[in-house]
Amino acid sequence: MSAEVRELVLRLARENSRWGYQRITGEMRRLGHRISPTTVRNLLRRSGLQPSPQRARLTWRRFLSAQASSIVACDFFTVDAIGLTRAYVLFLGSSLN
């Protein structure tokens, strides 16, 4: 397999984390490259990429970057009240455009 095809398979897998071996194989065929799902699986495994369910998991970094545009302020604080009680407060302020 050429280095160009190898890089294309890896790029498809990285940019489309929900795609499995069969979907990547189908897209490669559509682009004019004939490659088997087993070859795709072996290539992803050698490159350290997990199968699609593990690649598709939402990480904290992805979650925060997706939510960052709508969260303007975030704070966590305590309020001491009369009677020695303490309330824990999580404040999220957002912009409603």
PDB file of N, CA and C in Angstrom:
ATOM      1  N   MET A   1       0.848  -1.175   0.000  1.00  0.00           N
ATOM      2  CA  MET A   1       0.000   0.000   0.000  1.00  0.00           C
ATOM      3  C   MET A   1       0.894   1.239   0.000  1.00  0.00           C
ATOM      4  N   SER A   2       0.525   2.204  -0.796  1.00  0.00           N
ATOM      5  CA  SER A   2       1.348   3.414  -0.896  1.00  0.00           C
ATOM      6  C   SER A   2       1.172   4.284   0.347  1.00  0.00           C
ATOM      7  N   ALA A   3       2.144   5.139   0.575  1.00  0.00           N
ATOM      8  CA  ALA A   3       2.098   6.043   1.733  1.00  0.00           C
ATOM      9  C   ALA A   3       0.913   7.000   1.617  1.00  0.00           C
ATOM     10  N   GLU A   4       0.565   7.383   0.389  1.00  0.00           N
ATOM     11  CA  GLU A   4      -0.562   8.297   0.172  1.00  0.00           C
ATOM     12  C   GLU A   4      -1.875   7.664   0.615  1.00  0.00           C
ATOM     13  N   VAL A   5      -2.091   6.391   0.241  1.00  0.00           N
ATOM     14  CA  VAL A   5      -3.317   5.683   0.620  1.00  0.00           C
ATOM     15  C   VAL A   5      -3.340   5.475   2.130  1.00  0.00           C
ATOM     16  N   ARG A   6      -2.218   5.120   2.708  1.00  0.00           N
ATOM     17  CA  ARG A   6      -2.117   4.917   4.150  1.00  0.00           C
ATOM     18  C   ARG A   6      -2.502   6.194   4.903  1.00  0.00           C
ATOM     19  N   GLU A   7      -1.972   7.324   4.472  1.00  0.00           N
ATOM     20  CA  GLU A   7      -2.279   8.605   5.123  1.00  0.00           C
ATOM     21  C   GLU A   7      -3.743   8.985   4.945  1.00  0.00           C
ATOM     22  N   LEU A   8      -4.304   8.656   3.796  1.00  0.00           N
ATOM     23  CA  LEU A   8      -5.714   8.946   3.545  1.00  0.00           C
ATOM     24  C   LEU A   8      -6.615   8.141   4.478  1.00  0.00           C
ATOM     25  N   VAL A   9      -6.303   6.861   4.677  1.00  0.00           N
ATOM     26  CA  VAL A   9      -7.074   6.018   5.595  1.00  0.00           C
ATOM     27  C   VAL A   9      -6.985   6.580   7.016  1.00  0.00           C
ATOM     28  N   LEU A  10      -5.785   6.930   7.445  1.00  0.00           N
ATOM     29  CA  LEU A  10      -5.609   7.468   8.793  1.00  0.00           C
ATOM     30  C   LEU A  10      -6.324   8.805   8.960  1.00  0.00           C
ATOM     31  N   ARG A  11      -6.291   9.614   7.932  1.00  0.00           N
ATOM     32  CA  ARG A  11      -6.981  10.908   7.998  1.00  0.00           C
ATOM     33  C   ARG A  11      -8.489  10.715   8.109  1.00  0.00           C
ATOM     34  N   LEU A  12      -9.038   9.793   7.309  1.00  0.00           N
ATOM     35  CA  LEU A  12     -10.473   9.512   7.394  1.00  0.00           C
ATOM     36  C   LEU A  12     -10.851   9.023   8.791  1.00  0.00           C
ATOM     37  N   ALA A  13     -10.026   8.174   9.378  1.00  0.00           N
ATOM     38  CA  ALA A  13     -10.316   7.637  10.707  1.00  0.00           C
ATOM     39  C   ALA A  13     -10.241   8.721  11.777  1.00  0.00           C
ATOM     40  N   ARG A  14      -9.268   9.615  11.675  1.00  0.00           N
ATOM     41  CA  ARG A  14      -9.115  10.671  12.683  1.00  0.00           C
ATOM     42  C   ARG A  14     -10.222  11.718  12.580  1.00  0.00           C
ATOM     43  N   GLU A  15     -10.585  12.094  11.365  1.00  0.00           N
ATOM     44  CA  GLU A  15     -11.568  13.154  11.173  1.00  0.00           C
ATOM     45  C   GLU A  15     -13.008  12.675  11.325  1.00  0.00           C
ATOM     46  N   ASN A  16     -13.224  11.371  11.243  1.00  0.00           N
ATOM     47  CA  ASN A  16     -14.572  10.804  11.348  1.00  0.00           C
ATOM     48  C   ASN A  16     -14.547   9.690  12.387  1.00  0.00           C
ATOM     49  N   SER A  17     -14.538  10.085  13.648  1.00  0.00           N
ATOM     50  CA  SER A  17     -14.315   9.117  14.726  1.00  0.00           C
ATOM     51  C   SER A  17     -15.424   8.078  14.847  1.00  0.00           C
ATOM     52  N   ARG A  18     -16.584   8.317  14.290  1.00  0.00           N
ATOM     53  CA  ARG A  18     -17.683   7.349  14.372  1.00  0.00           C
ATOM     54  C   ARG A  18     -17.657   6.322  13.240  1.00  0.00           C
ATOM     55  N   TRP A  19     -16.787   6.497  12.273  1.00  0.00           N
ATOM     56  CA  TRP A  19     -16.717   5.568  11.150  1.00  0.00           C
ATOM     57  C   TRP A  19     -15.940   4.320  11.541  1.00  0.00           C
ATOM     58  N   GLY A  20     -16.498   3.166  11.181  1.00  0.00           N
ATOM     59  CA  GLY A  20     -15.826   1.900  11.407  1.00  0.00           C
ATOM     60  C   GLY A  20     -15.032   1.479  10.174  1.00  0.00           C
ATOM     61  N   TYR A  21     -14.514   0.254  10.233  1.00  0.00           N
ATOM     62  CA  TYR A  21     -13.669  -0.258   9.152  1.00  0.00           C
ATOM     63  C   TYR A  21     -14.428  -0.332   7.832  1.00  0.00           C
ATOM     64  N   GLN A  22     -15.688  -0.802   7.903  1.00  0.00           N
ATOM     65  CA  GLN A  22     -16.489  -0.953   6.685  1.00  0.00           C
ATOM     66  C   GLN A  22     -16.760   0.400   6.030  1.00  0.00           C
ATOM     67  N   ARG A  23     -17.072   1.403   6.837  1.00  0.00           N
ATOM     68  CA  ARG A  23     -17.381   2.730   6.284  1.00  0.00           C
ATOM     69  C   ARG A  23     -16.135   3.345   5.646  1.00  0.00           C
ATOM     70  N   ILE A  24     -14.991   3.204   6.300  1.00  0.00           N
ATOM     71  CA  ILE A  24     -13.748   3.735   5.731  1.00  0.00           C
ATOM     72  C   ILE A  24     -13.424   3.018   4.431  1.00  0.00           C
ATOM     73  N   THR A  25     -13.633   1.694   4.406  1.00  0.00           N
ATOM     74  CA  THR A  25     -13.407   0.922   3.181  1.00  0.00           C
ATOM     75  C   THR A  25     -14.309   1.413   2.054  1.00  0.00           C
ATOM     76  N   GLY A  26     -15.578   1.655   2.369  1.00  0.00           N
ATOM     77  CA  GLY A  26     -16.513   2.158   1.361  1.00  0.00           C
ATOM     78  C   GLY A  26     -16.118   3.522   0.830  1.00  0.00           C
ATOM     79  N   GLU A  27     -15.679   4.417   1.718  1.00  0.00           N
ATOM     80  CA  GLU A  27     -15.243   5.742   1.277  1.00  0.00           C
ATOM     81  C   GLU A  27     -13.986   5.655   0.417  1.00  0.00           C
ATOM     82  N   MET A  28     -13.089   4.746   0.760  1.00  0.00           N
ATOM     83  CA  MET A  28     -11.880   4.569  -0.046  1.00  0.00           C
ATOM     84  C   MET A  28     -12.243   4.057  -1.439  1.00  0.00           C
ATOM     85  N   ARG A  29     -13.200   3.145  -1.527  1.00  0.00           N
ATOM     86  CA  ARG A  29     -13.644   2.655  -2.838  1.00  0.00           C
ATOM     87  C   ARG A  29     -14.249   3.784  -3.650  1.00  0.00           C
ATOM     88  N   ARG A  30     -15.031   4.628  -2.975  1.00  0.00           N
ATOM     89  CA  ARG A  30     -15.657   5.767  -3.652  1.00  0.00           C
ATOM     90  C   ARG A  30     -14.606   6.723  -4.194  1.00  0.00           C
ATOM     91  N   LEU A  31     -13.472   6.797  -3.512  1.00  0.00           N
ATOM     92  CA  LEU A  31     -12.372   7.654  -3.962  1.00  0.00           C
ATOM     93  C   LEU A  31     -11.467   6.962  -4.973  1.00  0.00           C
ATOM     94  N   GLY A  32     -11.773   5.695  -5.303  1.00  0.00           N
ATOM     95  CA  GLY A  32     -11.020   4.987  -6.327  1.00  0.00           C
ATOM     96  C   GLY A  32      -9.899   4.104  -5.813  1.00  0.00           C
ATOM     97  N   HIS A  33      -9.882   3.807  -4.516  1.00  0.00           N
ATOM     98  CA  HIS A  33      -8.849   2.943  -3.925  1.00  0.00           C
ATOM     99  C   HIS A  33      -9.518   1.687  -3.387  1.00  0.00           C
ATOM    100  N   ARG A  34      -9.072   0.526  -3.852  1.00  0.00           N
ATOM    101  CA  ARG A  34      -9.624  -0.744  -3.382  1.00  0.00           C
ATOM    102  C   ARG A  34      -8.764  -1.252  -2.236  1.00  0.00           C
ATOM    103  N   ILE A  35      -9.394  -1.364  -1.063  1.00  0.00           N
ATOM    104  CA  ILE A  35      -8.699  -1.795   0.141  1.00  0.00           C
ATOM    105  C   ILE A  35      -9.689  -2.587   0.989  1.00  0.00           C
ATOM    106  N   SER A  36      -9.239  -3.616   1.677  1.00  0.00           N
ATOM    107  CA  SER A  36     -10.145  -4.463   2.448  1.00  0.00           C
ATOM    108  C   SER A  36     -10.323  -3.918   3.869  1.00  0.00           C
ATOM    109  N   PRO A  37     -11.454  -4.254   4.506  1.00  0.00           N
ATOM    110  CA  PRO A  37     -11.669  -3.830   5.891  1.00  0.00           C
ATOM    111  C   PRO A  37     -10.601  -4.360   6.848  1.00  0.00           C
ATOM    112  N   THR A  38     -10.096  -5.570   6.581  1.00  0.00           N
ATOM    113  CA  THR A  38      -9.044  -6.137   7.426  1.00  0.00           C
ATOM    114  C   THR A  38      -7.770  -5.310   7.329  1.00  0.00           C
ATOM    115  N   THR A  39      -7.447  -4.844   6.155  1.00  0.00           N
ATOM    116  CA  THR A  39      -6.273  -3.996   5.968  1.00  0.00           C
ATOM    117  C   THR A  39      -6.451  -2.674   6.715  1.00  0.00           C
ATOM    118  N   VAL A  40      -7.657  -2.117   6.639  1.00  0.00           N
ATOM    119  CA  VAL A  40      -7.941  -0.875   7.367  1.00  0.00           C
ATOM    120  C   VAL A  40      -7.785  -1.110   8.865  1.00  0.00           C
ATOM    121  N   ARG A  41      -8.357  -2.208   9.369  1.00  0.00           N
ATOM    122  CA  ARG A  41      -8.255  -2.531  10.797  1.00  0.00           C
ATOM    123  C   ARG A  41      -6.808  -2.672  11.233  1.00  0.00           C
ATOM    124  N   ASN A  42      -6.020  -3.412  10.451  1.00  0.00           N
ATOM    125  CA  ASN A  42      -4.613  -3.603  10.808  1.00  0.00           C
ATOM    126  C   ASN A  42      -3.835  -2.293  10.772  1.00  0.00           C
ATOM    127  N   LEU A  43      -4.123  -1.461   9.799  1.00  0.00           N
ATOM    128  CA  LEU A  43      -3.441  -0.178   9.690  1.00  0.00           C
ATOM    129  C   LEU A  43      -3.775   0.721  10.880  1.00  0.00           C
ATOM    130  N   LEU A  44      -5.051   0.774  11.255  1.00  0.00           N
ATOM    131  CA  LEU A  44      -5.438   1.594  12.403  1.00  0.00           C
ATOM    132  C   LEU A  44      -4.824   1.060  13.690  1.00  0.00           C
ATOM    133  N   ARG A  45      -4.795  -0.245  13.834  1.00  0.00           N
ATOM    134  CA  ARG A  45      -4.209  -0.852  15.037  1.00  0.00           C
ATOM    135  C   ARG A  45      -2.714  -0.534  15.126  1.00  0.00           C
ATOM    136  N   ARG A  46      -1.992  -0.650  14.004  1.00  0.00           N
ATOM    137  CA  ARG A  46      -0.553  -0.341  14.008  1.00  0.00           C
ATOM    138  C   ARG A  46      -0.285   1.128  14.288  1.00  0.00           C
ATOM    139  N   SER A  47      -1.223   1.985  13.915  1.00  0.00           N
ATOM    140  CA  SER A  47      -1.051   3.422  14.114  1.00  0.00           C
ATOM    141  C   SER A  47      -1.526   3.886  15.478  1.00  0.00           C
ATOM    142  N   GLY A  48      -2.059   2.964  16.277  1.00  0.00           N
ATOM    143  CA  GLY A  48      -2.487   3.310  17.628  1.00  0.00           C
ATOM    144  C   GLY A  48      -3.892   3.891  17.713  1.00  0.00           C
ATOM    145  N   LEU A  49      -4.673   3.768  16.652  1.00  0.00           N
ATOM    146  CA  LEU A  49      -6.058   4.260  16.675  1.00  0.00           C
ATOM    147  C   LEU A  49      -6.981   3.130  17.095  1.00  0.00           C
ATOM    148  N   GLN A  50      -7.908   3.429  17.982  1.00  0.00           N
ATOM    149  CA  GLN A  50      -8.856   2.445  18.490  1.00  0.00           C
ATOM    150  C   GLN A  50      -9.984   2.227  17.482  1.00  0.00           C
ATOM    151  N   PRO A  51     -10.757   1.135  17.646  1.00  0.00           N
ATOM    152  CA  PRO A  51     -11.954   0.956  16.821  1.00  0.00           C
ATOM    153  C   PRO A  51     -12.933   2.107  17.055  1.00  0.00           C
ATOM    154  N   SER A  52     -13.889   2.264  16.155  1.00  0.00           N
ATOM    155  CA  SER A  52     -14.754   3.447  16.172  1.00  0.00           C
ATOM    156  C   SER A  52     -15.482   3.697  17.491  1.00  0.00           C
ATOM    157  N   PRO A  53     -16.002   2.700  18.228  1.00  0.00           N
ATOM    158  CA  PRO A  53     -16.671   3.064  19.486  1.00  0.00           C
ATOM    159  C   PRO A  53     -15.742   3.769  20.473  1.00  0.00           C
ATOM    160  N   GLN A  54     -14.476   3.362  20.546  1.00  0.00           N
ATOM    161  CA  GLN A  54     -13.544   4.012  21.457  1.00  0.00           C
ATOM    162  C   GLN A  54     -13.109   5.382  20.934  1.00  0.00           C
ATOM    163  N   ARG A  55     -12.971   5.524  19.604  1.00  0.00           N
ATOM    164  CA  ARG A  55     -12.587   6.816  19.042  1.00  0.00           C
ATOM    165  C   ARG A  55     -13.707   7.826  19.147  1.00  0.00           C
ATOM    166  N   ALA A  56     -14.960   7.362  19.162  1.00  0.00           N
ATOM    167  CA  ALA A  56     -16.107   8.258  19.139  1.00  0.00           C
ATOM    168  C   ALA A  56     -16.501   8.770  20.520  1.00  0.00           C
ATOM    169  N   ARG A  57     -15.885   8.249  21.579  1.00  0.00           N
ATOM    170  CA  ARG A  57     -16.244   8.706  22.916  1.00  0.00           C
ATOM    171  C   ARG A  57     -15.968  10.187  23.065  1.00  0.00           C
ATOM    172  N   LEU A  58     -16.868  10.839  23.770  1.00  0.00           N
ATOM    173  CA  LEU A  58     -16.736  12.276  24.010  1.00  0.00           C
ATOM    174  C   LEU A  58     -15.779  12.499  25.172  1.00  0.00           C
ATOM    175  N   THR A  59     -14.669  13.147  24.906  1.00  0.00           N
ATOM    176  CA  THR A  59     -13.701  13.443  25.952  1.00  0.00           C
ATOM    177  C   THR A  59     -14.042  14.794  26.583  1.00  0.00           C
ATOM    178  N   TRP A  60     -13.462  15.073  27.750  1.00  0.00           N
ATOM    179  CA  TRP A  60     -13.690  16.360  28.402  1.00  0.00           C
ATOM    180  C   TRP A  60     -13.236  17.501  27.515  1.00  0.00           C
ATOM    181  N   ARG A  61     -12.128  17.329  26.854  1.00  0.00           N
ATOM    182  CA  ARG A  61     -11.618  18.389  25.993  1.00  0.00           C
ATOM    183  C   ARG A  61     -12.610  18.715  24.875  1.00  0.00           C
ATOM    184  N   ARG A  62     -13.168  17.678  24.234  1.00  0.00           N
ATOM    185  CA  ARG A  62     -14.149  17.899  23.167  1.00  0.00           C
ATOM    186  C   ARG A  62     -15.432  18.524  23.717  1.00  0.00           C
ATOM    187  N   PHE A  63     -15.876  18.037  24.892  1.00  0.00           N
ATOM    188  CA  PHE A  63     -17.085  18.565  25.495  1.00  0.00           C
ATOM    189  C   PHE A  63     -16.927  20.044  25.832  1.00  0.00           C
ATOM    190  N   LEU A  64     -15.831  20.394  26.477  1.00  0.00           N
ATOM    191  CA  LEU A  64     -15.621  21.784  26.866  1.00  0.00           C
ATOM    192  C   LEU A  64     -15.464  22.699  25.661  1.00  0.00           C
ATOM    193  N   SER A  65     -14.782  22.234  24.638  1.00  0.00           N
ATOM    194  CA  SER A  65     -14.628  23.086  23.459  1.00  0.00           C
ATOM    195  C   SER A  65     -15.962  23.275  22.740  1.00  0.00           C
ATOM    196  N   ALA A  66     -16.833  22.278  22.783  1.00  0.00           N
ATOM    197  CA  ALA A  66     -18.155  22.414  22.165  1.00  0.00           C
ATOM    198  C   ALA A  66     -19.049  23.358  22.964  1.00  0.00           C
ATOM    199  N   GLN A  67     -18.888  23.392  24.283  1.00  0.00           N
ATOM    200  CA  GLN A  67     -19.733  24.214  25.134  1.00  0.00           C
ATOM    201  C   GLN A  67     -19.164  25.603  25.396  1.00  0.00           C
ATOM    202  N   ALA A  68     -17.906  25.820  25.077  1.00  0.00           N
ATOM    203  CA  ALA A  68     -17.235  27.073  25.431  1.00  0.00           C
ATOM    204  C   ALA A  68     -17.894  28.298  24.825  1.00  0.00           C
ATOM    205  N   SER A  69     -18.447  28.189  23.655  1.00  0.00           N
ATOM    206  CA  SER A  69     -19.045  29.358  23.016  1.00  0.00           C
ATOM    207  C   SER A  69     -20.305  29.834  23.728  1.00  0.00           C
ATOM    208  N   SER A  70     -20.991  28.949  24.442  1.00  0.00           N
ATOM    209  CA  SER A  70     -22.227  29.354  25.105  1.00  0.00           C
ATOM    210  C   SER A  70     -22.039  29.694  26.581  1.00  0.00           C
ATOM    211  N   ILE A  71     -20.946  29.269  27.201  1.00  0.00           N
ATOM    212  CA  ILE A  71     -20.707  29.572  28.604  1.00  0.00           C
ATOM    213  C   ILE A  71     -19.873  30.834  28.695  1.00  0.00           C
ATOM    214  N   VAL A  72     -20.412  31.831  29.387  1.00  0.00           N
ATOM    215  CA  VAL A  72     -19.695  33.087  29.559  1.00  0.00           C
ATOM    216  C   VAL A  72     -18.956  33.085  30.888  1.00  0.00           C
ATOM    217  N   ALA A  73     -19.605  32.581  31.948  1.00  0.00           N
ATOM    218  CA  ALA A  73     -18.995  32.577  33.270  1.00  0.00           C
ATOM    219  C   ALA A  73     -19.362  31.299  34.008  1.00  0.00           C
ATOM    220  N   CYS A  74     -18.444  30.848  34.840  1.00  0.00           N
ATOM    221  CA  CYS A  74     -18.664  29.655  35.643  1.00  0.00           C
ATOM    222  C   CYS A  74     -17.936  29.853  36.966  1.00  0.00           C
ATOM    223  N   ASP A  75     -18.631  29.572  38.079  1.00  0.00           N
ATOM    224  CA  ASP A  75     -18.009  29.736  39.385  1.00  0.00           C
ATOM    225  C   ASP A  75     -18.628  28.741  40.346  1.00  0.00           C
ATOM    226  N   PHE A  76     -17.816  28.292  41.291  1.00  0.00           N
ATOM    227  CA  PHE A  76     -18.264  27.397  42.352  1.00  0.00           C
ATOM    228  C   PHE A  76     -17.877  28.049  43.667  1.00  0.00           C
ATOM    229  N   PHE A  77     -18.868  28.256  44.549  1.00  0.00           N
ATOM    230  CA  PHE A  77     -18.570  28.907  45.821  1.00  0.00           C
ATOM    231  C   PHE A  77     -19.492  28.391  46.912  1.00  0.00           C
ATOM    232  N   THR A  78     -19.186  28.766  48.161  1.00  0.00           N
ATOM    233  CA  THR A  78     -20.005  28.374  49.306  1.00  0.00           C
ATOM    234  C   THR A  78     -20.607  29.612  49.941  1.00  0.00           C
ATOM    235  N   VAL A  79     -21.747  29.417  50.548  1.00  0.00           N
ATOM    236  CA  VAL A  79     -22.425  30.486  51.277  1.00  0.00           C
ATOM    237  C   VAL A  79     -22.698  29.967  52.682  1.00  0.00           C
ATOM    238  N   ASP A  80     -22.137  30.659  53.699  1.00  0.00           N
ATOM    239  CA  ASP A  80     -22.396  30.293  55.088  1.00  0.00           C
ATOM    240  C   ASP A  80     -23.622  31.054  55.558  1.00  0.00           C
ATOM    241  N   ALA A  81     -24.596  30.323  56.066  1.00  0.00           N
ATOM    242  CA  ALA A  81     -25.860  30.922  56.493  1.00  0.00           C
ATOM    243  C   ALA A  81     -25.960  30.876  58.020  1.00  0.00           C
ATOM    244  N   ILE A  82     -26.998  31.498  58.521  1.00  0.00           N
ATOM    245  CA  ILE A  82     -27.241  31.498  59.971  1.00  0.00           C
ATOM    246  C   ILE A  82     -27.535  30.075  60.415  1.00  0.00           C
ATOM    247  N   GLY A  83     -27.045  29.706  61.572  1.00  0.00           N
ATOM    248  CA  GLY A  83     -27.284  28.355  62.086  1.00  0.00           C
ATOM    249  C   GLY A  83     -26.189  27.386  61.676  1.00  0.00           C
ATOM    250  N   LEU A  84     -25.037  27.926  61.264  1.00  0.00           N
ATOM    251  CA  LEU A  84     -23.882  27.107  60.884  1.00  0.00           C
ATOM    252  C   LEU A  84     -24.188  26.127  59.751  1.00  0.00           C
ATOM    253  N   THR A  85     -25.006  26.528  58.822  1.00  0.00           N
ATOM    254  CA  THR A  85     -25.253  25.709  57.636  1.00  0.00           C
ATOM    255  C   THR A  85     -24.480  26.295  56.460  1.00  0.00           C
ATOM    256  N   ARG A  86     -24.069  25.452  55.593  1.00  0.00           N
ATOM    257  CA  ARG A  86     -23.286  25.867  54.428  1.00  0.00           C
ATOM    258  C   ARG A  86     -23.967  25.377  53.164  1.00  0.00           C
ATOM    259  N   ALA A  87     -24.113  26.266  52.194  1.00  0.00           N
ATOM    260  CA  ALA A  87     -24.702  25.919  50.901  1.00  0.00           C
ATOM    261  C   ALA A  87     -23.605  25.973  49.844  1.00  0.00           C
ATOM    262  N   TYR A  88     -23.574  24.972  48.990  1.00  0.00           N
ATOM    263  CA  TYR A  88     -22.613  24.924  47.887  1.00  0.00           C
ATOM    264  C   TYR A  88     -23.342  25.364  46.615  1.00  0.00           C
ATOM    265  N   VAL A  89     -22.744  26.330  45.924  1.00  0.00           N
ATOM    266  CA  VAL A  89     -23.406  26.934  44.774  1.00  0.00           C
ATOM    267  C   VAL A  89     -22.512  26.791  43.541  1.00  0.00           C
ATOM    268  N   LEU A  90     -23.083  26.302  42.456  1.00  0.00           N
ATOM    269  CA  LEU A  90     -22.422  26.287  41.163  1.00  0.00           C
ATOM    270  C   LEU A  90     -23.152  27.267  40.274  1.00  0.00           C
ATOM    271  N   PHE A  91     -22.477  28.299  39.821  1.00  0.00           N
ATOM    272  CA  PHE A  91     -23.078  29.344  39.009  1.00  0.00           C
ATOM    273  C   PHE A  91     -22.572  29.223  37.580  1.00  0.00           C
ATOM    274  N   LEU A  92     -23.497  29.155  36.638  1.00  0.00           N
ATOM    275  CA  LEU A  92     -23.169  29.157  35.213  1.00  0.00           C
ATOM    276  C   LEU A  92     -23.932  30.299  34.572  1.00  0.00           C
ATOM    277  N   GLY A  93     -23.222  31.246  34.037  1.00  0.00           N
ATOM    278  CA  GLY A  93     -23.849  32.367  33.353  1.00  0.00           C
ATOM    279  C   GLY A  93     -23.632  32.206  31.860  1.00  0.00           C
ATOM    280  N   SER A  94     -24.670  32.462  31.088  1.00  0.00           N
ATOM    281  CA  SER A  94     -24.522  32.307  29.645  1.00  0.00           C
ATOM    282  C   SER A  94     -25.146  33.482  28.926  1.00  0.00           C
ATOM    283  N   SER A  95     -24.764  33.643  27.719  1.00  0.00           N
ATOM    284  CA  SER A  95     -25.278  34.703  26.875  1.00  0.00           C
ATOM    285  C   SER A  95     -26.390  34.135  26.007  1.00  0.00           C
ATOM    286  N   LEU A  96     -27.545  34.721  26.060  1.00  0.00           N
ATOM    287  CA  LEU A  96     -28.648  34.289  25.204  1.00  0.00           C
ATOM    288  C   LEU A  96     -28.740  35.249  24.034  1.00  0.00           C
ATOM    289  N   ASN A  97     -28.213  34.835  22.912  1.00  0.00           N
ATOM    290  CA  ASN A  97     -28.201  35.708  21.725  1.00  0.00           C
ATOM    291  C   ASN A  97     -29.510  35.679  21.021  1.00  0.00           C
TER     292      ASN A  97
END
